[in-house]
Amino acid sequence: MELCDLAPGQRARILNMNRLSHQVRRKLMVMGLLPNSEVLFLRTAPLGDPMQIQCQGICLSMQKGLAQLIEVEPV
């Protein structure tokens, strides 16, 4: 399952971020998105992109295209 497939209010654990480029993966990891960390999908913008997630107390906005490259499992 990909991060963009979650429904608002749903929690998931990050399994794999290897499809991201090295630079993007490093930036997300600095912001707290680490493998095995839990994320909460909060909402999407009115037109569906970007989406807002919360991870370790930090809220992030992320484009759907980027979220399609992050593999998660529902918690």
PDB file of N, CA and C in Angstrom:
ATOM      1  N   MET A   1       0.850  -1.171   0.000  1.00  0.00           N
ATOM      2  CA  MET A   1       0.000   0.000   0.000  1.00  0.00           C
ATOM      3  C   MET A   1       0.898   1.238   0.000  1.00  0.00           C
ATOM      4  N   GLU A   2       0.456   2.273  -0.667  1.00  0.00           N
ATOM      5  CA  GLU A   2       1.225   3.510  -0.732  1.00  0.00           C
ATOM      6  C   GLU A   2       0.616   4.558   0.190  1.00  0.00           C
ATOM      7  N   LEU A   3       1.422   5.523   0.577  1.00  0.00           N
ATOM      8  CA  LEU A   3       0.977   6.570   1.494  1.00  0.00           C
ATOM      9  C   LEU A   3      -0.218   7.329   0.942  1.00  0.00           C
ATOM     10  N   CYS A   4      -0.277   7.533  -0.355  1.00  0.00           N
ATOM     11  CA  CYS A   4      -1.385   8.287  -0.954  1.00  0.00           C
ATOM     12  C   CYS A   4      -2.696   7.512  -0.937  1.00  0.00           C
ATOM     13  N   ASP A   5      -2.672   6.207  -0.639  1.00  0.00           N
ATOM     14  CA  ASP A   5      -3.885   5.377  -0.619  1.00  0.00           C
ATOM     15  C   ASP A   5      -4.636   5.434   0.704  1.00  0.00           C
ATOM     16  N   LEU A   6      -4.067   6.097   1.714  1.00  0.00           N
ATOM     17  CA  LEU A   6      -4.712   6.163   3.022  1.00  0.00           C
ATOM     18  C   LEU A   6      -5.942   7.070   2.982  1.00  0.00           C
ATOM     19  N   ALA A   7      -6.878   6.803   3.871  1.00  0.00           N
ATOM     20  CA  ALA A   7      -8.059   7.648   4.034  1.00  0.00           C
ATOM     21  C   ALA A   7      -7.781   8.642   5.158  1.00  0.00           C
ATOM     22  N   PRO A   8      -8.440   9.807   5.130  1.00  0.00           N
ATOM     23  CA  PRO A   8      -8.233  10.775   6.218  1.00  0.00           C
ATOM     24  C   PRO A   8      -8.514  10.146   7.583  1.00  0.00           C
ATOM     25  N   GLY A   9      -7.596  10.386   8.520  1.00  0.00           N
ATOM     26  CA  GLY A   9      -7.719   9.839   9.863  1.00  0.00           C
ATOM     27  C   GLY A   9      -7.081   8.474  10.033  1.00  0.00           C
ATOM     28  N   GLN A  10      -6.598   7.884   8.964  1.00  0.00           N
ATOM     29  CA  GLN A  10      -6.005   6.553   9.027  1.00  0.00           C
ATOM     30  C   GLN A  10      -4.521   6.637   9.385  1.00  0.00           C
ATOM     31  N   ARG A  11      -4.070   5.689  10.192  1.00  0.00           N
ATOM     32  CA  ARG A  11      -2.662   5.606  10.600  1.00  0.00           C
ATOM     33  C   ARG A  11      -1.983   4.476   9.835  1.00  0.00           C
ATOM     34  N   ALA A  12      -0.680   4.670   9.613  1.00  0.00           N
ATOM     35  CA  ALA A  12       0.099   3.639   8.919  1.00  0.00           C
ATOM     36  C   ALA A  12       1.544   3.706   9.385  1.00  0.00           C
ATOM     37  N   ARG A  13       2.276   2.621   9.140  1.00  0.00           N
ATOM     38  CA  ARG A  13       3.703   2.550   9.464  1.00  0.00           C
ATOM     39  C   ARG A  13       4.478   2.547   8.151  1.00  0.00           C
ATOM     40  N   ILE A  14       5.532   3.349   8.094  1.00  0.00           N
ATOM     41  CA  ILE A  14       6.352   3.436   6.888  1.00  0.00           C
ATOM     42  C   ILE A  14       7.189   2.165   6.774  1.00  0.00           C
ATOM     43  N   LEU A  15       7.083   1.510   5.620  1.00  0.00           N
ATOM     44  CA  LEU A  15       7.841   0.286   5.379  1.00  0.00           C
ATOM     45  C   LEU A  15       9.075   0.537   4.522  1.00  0.00           C
ATOM     46  N   ASN A  16       8.901   1.324   3.445  1.00  0.00           N
ATOM     47  CA  ASN A  16       9.960   1.442   2.464  1.00  0.00           C
ATOM     48  C   ASN A  16       9.914   2.816   1.802  1.00  0.00           C
ATOM     49  N   MET A  17      11.069   3.453   1.717  1.00  0.00           N
ATOM     50  CA  MET A  17      11.179   4.752   1.045  1.00  0.00           C
ATOM     51  C   MET A  17      12.254   4.698  -0.041  1.00  0.00           C
ATOM     52  N   ASN A  18      12.626   3.505  -0.490  1.00  0.00           N
ATOM     53  CA  ASN A  18      13.736   3.328  -1.416  1.00  0.00           C
ATOM     54  C   ASN A  18      13.444   3.813  -2.829  1.00  0.00           C
ATOM     55  N   ARG A  19      12.184   4.005  -3.181  1.00  0.00           N
ATOM     56  CA  ARG A  19      11.871   4.486  -4.531  1.00  0.00           C
ATOM     57  C   ARG A  19      12.102   5.986  -4.670  1.00  0.00           C
ATOM     58  N   LEU A  20      12.285   6.682  -3.558  1.00  0.00           N
ATOM     59  CA  LEU A  20      12.579   8.119  -3.587  1.00  0.00           C
ATOM     60  C   LEU A  20      14.039   8.335  -3.963  1.00  0.00           C
ATOM     61  N   SER A  21      14.320   9.498  -4.530  1.00  0.00           N
ATOM     62  CA  SER A  21      15.716   9.829  -4.790  1.00  0.00           C
ATOM     63  C   SER A  21      16.446   9.993  -3.457  1.00  0.00           C
ATOM     64  N   HIS A  22      17.741   9.854  -3.491  1.00  0.00           N
ATOM     65  CA  HIS A  22      18.545   9.934  -2.268  1.00  0.00           C
ATOM     66  C   HIS A  22      18.361  11.287  -1.573  1.00  0.00           C
ATOM     67  N   GLN A  23      18.347  12.366  -2.337  1.00  0.00           N
ATOM     68  CA  GLN A  23      18.212  13.706  -1.756  1.00  0.00           C
ATOM     69  C   GLN A  23      16.856  13.901  -1.096  1.00  0.00           C
ATOM     70  N   VAL A  24      15.790  13.495  -1.757  1.00  0.00           N
ATOM     71  CA  VAL A  24      14.442  13.653  -1.197  1.00  0.00           C
ATOM     72  C   VAL A  24      14.280  12.775   0.035  1.00  0.00           C
ATOM     73  N   ARG A  25      14.761  11.537  -0.046  1.00  0.00           N
ATOM     74  CA  ARG A  25      14.661  10.624   1.096  1.00  0.00           C
ATOM     75  C   ARG A  25      15.388  11.204   2.307  1.00  0.00           C
ATOM     76  N   ARG A  26      16.558  11.778   2.089  1.00  0.00           N
ATOM     77  CA  ARG A  26      17.319  12.356   3.199  1.00  0.00           C
ATOM     78  C   ARG A  26      16.573  13.543   3.808  1.00  0.00           C
ATOM     79  N   LYS A  27      15.979  14.402   2.979  1.00  0.00           N
ATOM     80  CA  LYS A  27      15.228  15.553   3.503  1.00  0.00           C
ATOM     81  C   LYS A  27      14.034  15.094   4.333  1.00  0.00           C
ATOM     82  N   LEU A  28      13.314  14.081   3.856  1.00  0.00           N
ATOM     83  CA  LEU A  28      12.163  13.576   4.612  1.00  0.00           C
ATOM     84  C   LEU A  28      12.599  12.929   5.920  1.00  0.00           C
ATOM     85  N   MET A  29      13.717  12.240   5.904  1.00  0.00           N
ATOM     86  CA  MET A  29      14.205  11.607   7.120  1.00  0.00           C
ATOM     87  C   MET A  29      14.642  12.647   8.148  1.00  0.00           C
ATOM     88  N   VAL A  30      15.211  13.753   7.696  1.00  0.00           N
ATOM     89  CA  VAL A  30      15.580  14.835   8.613  1.00  0.00           C
ATOM     90  C   VAL A  30      14.335  15.431   9.254  1.00  0.00           C
ATOM     91  N   MET A  31      13.214  15.454   8.507  1.00  0.00           N
ATOM     92  CA  MET A  31      11.959  15.997   9.037  1.00  0.00           C
ATOM     93  C   MET A  31      11.209  14.999   9.912  1.00  0.00           C
ATOM     94  N   GLY A  32      11.710  13.763  10.033  1.00  0.00           N
ATOM     95  CA  GLY A  32      11.086  12.808  10.939  1.00  0.00           C
ATOM     96  C   GLY A  32      10.413  11.631  10.280  1.00  0.00           C
ATOM     97  N   LEU A  33      10.332  11.580   8.962  1.00  0.00           N
ATOM     98  CA  LEU A  33       9.743  10.424   8.285  1.00  0.00           C
ATOM     99  C   LEU A  33      10.811   9.356   8.149  1.00  0.00           C
ATOM    100  N   LEU A  34      10.802   8.423   9.062  1.00  0.00           N
ATOM    101  CA  LEU A  34      11.798   7.362   9.103  1.00  0.00           C
ATOM    102  C   LEU A  34      11.116   6.016   8.891  1.00  0.00           C
ATOM    103  N   PRO A  35      11.834   5.035   8.342  1.00  0.00           N
ATOM    104  CA  PRO A  35      11.257   3.694   8.256  1.00  0.00           C
ATOM    105  C   PRO A  35      10.814   3.211   9.639  1.00  0.00           C
ATOM    106  N   ASN A  36       9.695   2.546   9.680  1.00  0.00           N
ATOM    107  CA  ASN A  36       9.056   2.014  10.897  1.00  0.00           C
ATOM    108  C   ASN A  36       8.418   3.087  11.770  1.00  0.00           C
ATOM    109  N   SER A  37       8.417   4.350  11.338  1.00  0.00           N
ATOM    110  CA  SER A  37       7.705   5.371  12.112  1.00  0.00           C
ATOM    111  C   SER A  37       6.239   5.393  11.683  1.00  0.00           C
ATOM    112  N   GLU A  38       5.386   5.845  12.583  1.00  0.00           N
ATOM    113  CA  GLU A  38       3.949   5.873  12.338  1.00  0.00           C
ATOM    114  C   GLU A  38       3.535   7.241  11.831  1.00  0.00           C
ATOM    115  N   VAL A  39       2.684   7.257  10.806  1.00  0.00           N
ATOM    116  CA  VAL A  39       2.173   8.509  10.250  1.00  0.00           C
ATOM    117  C   VAL A  39       0.651   8.510  10.348  1.00  0.00           C
ATOM    118  N   LEU A  40       0.097   9.688  10.438  1.00  0.00           N
ATOM    119  CA  LEU A  40      -1.351   9.891  10.455  1.00  0.00           C
ATOM    120  C   LEU A  40      -1.703  10.764   9.267  1.00  0.00           C
ATOM    121  N   PHE A  41      -2.589  10.277   8.414  1.00  0.00           N
ATOM    122  CA  PHE A  41      -3.041  11.053   7.262  1.00  0.00           C
ATOM    123  C   PHE A  41      -4.152  11.982   7.738  1.00  0.00           C
ATOM    124  N   LEU A  42      -3.901  13.281   7.697  1.00  0.00           N
ATOM    125  CA  LEU A  42      -4.858  14.257   8.221  1.00  0.00           C
ATOM    126  C   LEU A  42      -5.911  14.652   7.198  1.00  0.00           C
ATOM    127  N   ARG A  43      -5.479  15.171   6.045  1.00  0.00           N
ATOM    128  CA  ARG A  43      -6.446  15.639   5.030  1.00  0.00           C
ATOM    129  C   ARG A  43      -5.723  15.961   3.729  1.00  0.00           C
ATOM    130  N   THR A  44      -6.529  16.183   2.698  1.00  0.00           N
ATOM    131  CA  THR A  44      -5.980  16.646   1.427  1.00  0.00           C
ATOM    132  C   THR A  44      -6.500  18.050   1.165  1.00  0.00           C
ATOM    133  N   ALA A  45      -5.829  18.755   0.289  1.00  0.00           N
ATOM    134  CA  ALA A  45      -6.290  20.075  -0.130  1.00  0.00           C
ATOM    135  C   ALA A  45      -7.592  19.908  -0.917  1.00  0.00           C
ATOM    136  N   PRO A  46      -8.374  20.978  -1.076  1.00  0.00           N
ATOM    137  CA  PRO A  46      -9.659  20.862  -1.770  1.00  0.00           C
ATOM    138  C   PRO A  46      -9.584  20.227  -3.159  1.00  0.00           C
ATOM    139  N   LEU A  47      -8.497  20.424  -3.881  1.00  0.00           N
ATOM    140  CA  LEU A  47      -8.378  19.830  -5.213  1.00  0.00           C
ATOM    141  C   LEU A  47      -7.633  18.491  -5.185  1.00  0.00           C
ATOM    142  N   GLY A  48      -7.334  17.975  -3.991  1.00  0.00           N
ATOM    143  CA  GLY A  48      -6.739  16.654  -3.864  1.00  0.00           C
ATOM    144  C   GLY A  48      -5.227  16.611  -3.759  1.00  0.00           C
ATOM    145  N   ASP A  49      -4.567  17.730  -3.933  1.00  0.00           N
ATOM    146  CA  ASP A  49      -3.106  17.747  -3.863  1.00  0.00           C
ATOM    147  C   ASP A  49      -2.659  19.101  -3.357  1.00  0.00           C
ATOM    148  N   PRO A  50      -1.847  19.255  -2.349  1.00  0.00           N
ATOM    149  CA  PRO A  50      -1.098  18.234  -1.626  1.00  0.00           C
ATOM    150  C   PRO A  50      -1.916  17.603  -0.513  1.00  0.00           C
ATOM    151  N   MET A  51      -1.296  16.651   0.161  1.00  0.00           N
ATOM    152  CA  MET A  51      -1.927  15.998   1.297  1.00  0.00           C
ATOM    153  C   MET A  51      -1.143  16.368   2.558  1.00  0.00           C
ATOM    154  N   GLN A  52      -1.838  16.371   3.686  1.00  0.00           N
ATOM    155  CA  GLN A  52      -1.201  16.732   4.948  1.00  0.00           C
ATOM    156  C   GLN A  52      -1.110  15.485   5.820  1.00  0.00           C
ATOM    157  N   ILE A  53       0.096  15.229   6.336  1.00  0.00           N
ATOM    158  CA  ILE A  53       0.318  14.090   7.216  1.00  0.00           C
ATOM    159  C   ILE A  53       0.976  14.574   8.502  1.00  0.00           C
ATOM    160  N   GLN A  54       0.881  13.752   9.524  1.00  0.00           N
ATOM    161  CA  GLN A  54       1.536  14.044  10.798  1.00  0.00           C
ATOM    162  C   GLN A  54       2.418  12.857  11.156  1.00  0.00           C
ATOM    163  N   CYS A  55       3.653  13.148  11.535  1.00  0.00           N
ATOM    164  CA  CYS A  55       4.600  12.111  11.924  1.00  0.00           C
ATOM    165  C   CYS A  55       5.436  12.627  13.075  1.00  0.00           C
ATOM    166  N   GLN A  56       5.419  11.917  14.187  1.00  0.00           N
ATOM    167  CA  GLN A  56       6.176  12.272  15.381  1.00  0.00           C
ATOM    168  C   GLN A  56       5.901  13.710  15.825  1.00  0.00           C
ATOM    169  N   GLY A  57       4.630  14.118  15.761  1.00  0.00           N
ATOM    170  CA  GLY A  57       4.227  15.437  16.223  1.00  0.00           C
ATOM    171  C   GLY A  57       4.468  16.555  15.237  1.00  0.00           C
ATOM    172  N   ILE A  58       4.967  16.266  14.042  1.00  0.00           N
ATOM    173  CA  ILE A  58       5.240  17.281  13.029  1.00  0.00           C
ATOM    174  C   ILE A  58       4.252  17.124  11.885  1.00  0.00           C
ATOM    175  N   CYS A  59       3.627  18.212  11.465  1.00  0.00           N
ATOM    176  CA  CYS A  59       2.713  18.191  10.324  1.00  0.00           C
ATOM    177  C   CYS A  59       3.480  18.563   9.062  1.00  0.00           C
ATOM    178  N   LEU A  60       3.279  17.773   8.021  1.00  0.00           N
ATOM    179  CA  LEU A  60       3.948  17.998   6.739  1.00  0.00           C
ATOM    180  C   LEU A  60       2.924  17.991   5.620  1.00  0.00           C
ATOM    181  N   SER A  61       3.138  18.835   4.628  1.00  0.00           N
ATOM    182  CA  SER A  61       2.368  18.778   3.393  1.00  0.00           C
ATOM    183  C   SER A  61       3.230  18.101   2.348  1.00  0.00           C
ATOM    184  N   MET A  62       2.625  17.181   1.609  1.00  0.00           N
ATOM    185  CA  MET A  62       3.380  16.387   0.647  1.00  0.00           C
ATOM    186  C   MET A  62       2.566  16.226  -0.631  1.00  0.00           C
ATOM    187  N   GLN A  63       3.229  16.343  -1.769  1.00  0.00           N
ATOM    188  CA  GLN A  63       2.555  16.127  -3.043  1.00  0.00           C
ATOM    189  C   GLN A  63       2.198  14.654  -3.190  1.00  0.00           C
ATOM    190  N   LYS A  64       1.077  14.392  -3.879  1.00  0.00           N
ATOM    191  CA  LYS A  64       0.635  13.016  -4.071  1.00  0.00           C
ATOM    192  C   LYS A  64       1.664  12.184  -4.824  1.00  0.00           C
ATOM    193  N   GLY A  65       2.328  12.799  -5.789  1.00  0.00           N
ATOM    194  CA  GLY A  65       3.343  12.081  -6.552  1.00  0.00           C
ATOM    195  C   GLY A  65       4.469  11.569  -5.682  1.00  0.00           C
ATOM    196  N   LEU A  66       4.815  12.328  -4.678  1.00  0.00           N
ATOM    197  CA  LEU A  66       5.852  11.912  -3.728  1.00  0.00           C
ATOM    198  C   LEU A  66       5.313  10.819  -2.801  1.00  0.00           C
ATOM    199  N   ALA A  67       4.064  10.977  -2.376  1.00  0.00           N
ATOM    200  CA  ALA A  67       3.447   9.988  -1.476  1.00  0.00           C
ATOM    201  C   ALA A  67       3.261   8.629  -2.162  1.00  0.00           C
ATOM    202  N   GLN A  68       3.181   8.616  -3.488  1.00  0.00           N
ATOM    203  CA  GLN A  68       3.040   7.356  -4.218  1.00  0.00           C
ATOM    204  C   GLN A  68       4.317   6.519  -4.167  1.00  0.00           C
ATOM    205  N   LEU A  69       5.411   7.132  -3.787  1.00  0.00           N
ATOM    206  CA  LEU A  69       6.702   6.436  -3.752  1.00  0.00           C
ATOM    207  C   LEU A  69       7.055   5.907  -2.361  1.00  0.00           C
ATOM    208  N   ILE A  70       6.162   6.118  -1.391  1.00  0.00           N
ATOM    209  CA  ILE A  70       6.403   5.673  -0.016  1.00  0.00           C
ATOM    210  C   ILE A  70       5.466   4.523   0.308  1.00  0.00           C
ATOM    211  N   GLU A  71       6.033   3.369   0.626  1.00  0.00           N
ATOM    212  CA  GLU A  71       5.253   2.169   0.930  1.00  0.00           C
ATOM    213  C   GLU A  71       4.945   2.128   2.426  1.00  0.00           C
ATOM    214  N   VAL A  72       3.667   1.892   2.763  1.00  0.00           N
ATOM    215  CA  VAL A  72       3.226   1.855   4.154  1.00  0.00           C
ATOM    216  C   VAL A  72       2.357   0.627   4.387  1.00  0.00           C
ATOM    217  N   GLU A  73       2.129   0.323   5.676  1.00  0.00           N
ATOM    218  CA  GLU A  73       1.151  -0.704   6.057  1.00  0.00           C
ATOM    219  C   GLU A  73       0.218  -0.082   7.093  1.00  0.00           C
ATOM    220  N   PRO A  74      -1.077  -0.274   6.963  1.00  0.00           N
ATOM    221  CA  PRO A  74      -2.020   0.276   7.943  1.00  0.00           C
ATOM    222  C   PRO A  74      -1.755  -0.288   9.327  1.00  0.00           C
ATOM    223  N   VAL A  75      -1.998   0.555  10.335  1.00  0.00           N
ATOM    224  CA  VAL A  75      -1.796   0.147  11.728  1.00  0.00           C
ATOM    225  C   VAL A  75      -3.155  -0.092  12.356  1.00  0.00           C
TER     226      VAL A  75
END
